[in-house]
Protein backbone atom coordinates (compact mmCIF):
# COMPACT_ATOMS: atom_id res chain seq x y z
CA MET A 1 -158.19 23.64 -125.49
CA GLY A 2 -159.29 20.09 -124.59
CA TYR A 3 -157.74 18.10 -127.25
CA THR A 4 -154.77 15.62 -127.62
CA GLU A 5 -151.77 16.09 -129.93
CA SER A 6 -153.29 13.02 -132.37
CA GLU A 7 -156.74 14.87 -132.50
CA ARG A 8 -155.10 17.79 -134.25
CA VAL A 9 -155.79 17.11 -137.68
CA GLU A 10 -159.31 16.21 -136.85
CA LEU A 11 -159.71 19.32 -134.95
CA LYS A 12 -158.55 21.58 -137.58
CA LYS A 13 -160.51 19.59 -140.38
CA GLN A 14 -163.68 20.15 -138.15
CA PHE A 15 -162.92 23.67 -137.54
CA LEU A 16 -162.66 24.50 -141.51
CA ARG A 17 -165.69 22.77 -142.02
CA MET A 18 -167.61 24.95 -139.52
CA LEU A 19 -165.67 27.98 -141.19
CA VAL A 20 -167.02 27.22 -144.39
CA ARG A 21 -170.83 26.36 -143.17
CA MET A 22 -171.17 29.72 -141.38
CA GLU A 23 -170.72 31.96 -144.65
CA LEU A 24 -168.53 34.64 -143.11
CA ASP A 25 -167.13 37.27 -145.15
CA GLU A 26 -163.79 37.32 -145.65
CA ALA A 27 -162.38 39.55 -142.78
CA LYS A 28 -164.38 37.43 -140.25
CA GLN A 29 -163.12 34.22 -141.65
CA ARG A 30 -159.71 35.72 -141.28
CA LEU A 31 -159.93 36.69 -137.76
CA LEU A 32 -161.35 33.42 -136.62
CA PHE A 33 -158.65 31.53 -138.79
CA GLY A 34 -155.94 33.53 -137.30
CA PHE A 35 -157.09 32.68 -134.02
CA PHE A 36 -157.07 29.10 -134.50
CA GLU A 37 -153.93 29.15 -136.16
CA THR A 38 -152.27 30.71 -133.21
CA TYR A 39 -153.58 28.09 -130.59
CA VAL A 40 -153.38 24.95 -132.74
CA LYS A 41 -150.28 24.44 -134.81
CA ILE A 42 -150.07 21.49 -137.08
CA SER A 43 -146.62 20.20 -138.61
CA ASP A 44 -146.27 19.74 -142.43
CA GLU A 45 -146.83 16.04 -142.02
CA GLU A 46 -150.19 16.96 -140.38
CA GLU A 47 -151.05 19.43 -143.05
CA GLN A 48 -150.84 16.57 -145.74
CA GLN A 49 -152.98 14.10 -143.52
CA LEU A 50 -155.46 17.22 -143.29
CA ARG A 51 -155.44 17.28 -147.22
CA ARG A 52 -155.99 13.54 -147.42
CA LYS A 53 -159.01 13.73 -144.89
CA VAL A 54 -160.57 16.72 -146.64
CA SER A 55 -160.26 15.14 -150.15
CA GLY A 56 -162.70 12.30 -148.49
CA MET A 57 -165.36 14.50 -147.82
CA GLU A 58 -168.41 15.56 -149.61
CA THR A 59 -167.52 17.34 -153.17
CA LYS A 60 -169.23 20.80 -152.41
CA GLU A 61 -167.60 21.18 -148.98
CA LYS A 62 -164.32 19.73 -149.78
CA GLU A 63 -163.99 22.24 -152.63
CA GLN A 64 -164.89 25.14 -150.17
CA VAL A 65 -162.55 23.77 -147.55
CA LEU A 66 -159.58 23.25 -149.86
CA GLU A 67 -160.27 26.87 -151.12
CA LEU A 68 -160.19 27.98 -147.74
CA ILE A 69 -156.76 26.43 -147.15
CA ILE A 70 -155.20 27.70 -150.38
CA ALA A 71 -156.28 30.96 -149.87
CA TYR A 72 -154.65 31.09 -146.44
CA GLU A 73 -151.70 29.38 -147.62
CA GLN A 74 -151.29 32.26 -150.23
CA LYS A 75 -151.71 34.91 -147.71
CA GLY A 76 -149.17 33.56 -145.41
CA GLY A 77 -146.75 33.25 -148.11
CA GLU A 78 -147.19 36.99 -149.04
CA ARG A 79 -146.63 37.97 -145.39
CA LYS A 80 -143.25 36.47 -145.25
CA GLU A 81 -141.92 37.78 -148.25
């Protein structure tokens, strides 16, 4: 996809910001998020780095991105059960 291993966290952060800004319905968000997750996998440590980076974002956007992350983590947990 044209990125280095060290850029994965920033790539995911920017993807999530873009997804929030597009204001898509949940089905379209899920489709795009699933596609992204298929090709850009990040470790648990990188996930923590992502959360720290998101915490430093503008308040409204930060809340929306964190909600998106939590929603998809919950859906992932439901599928594994």
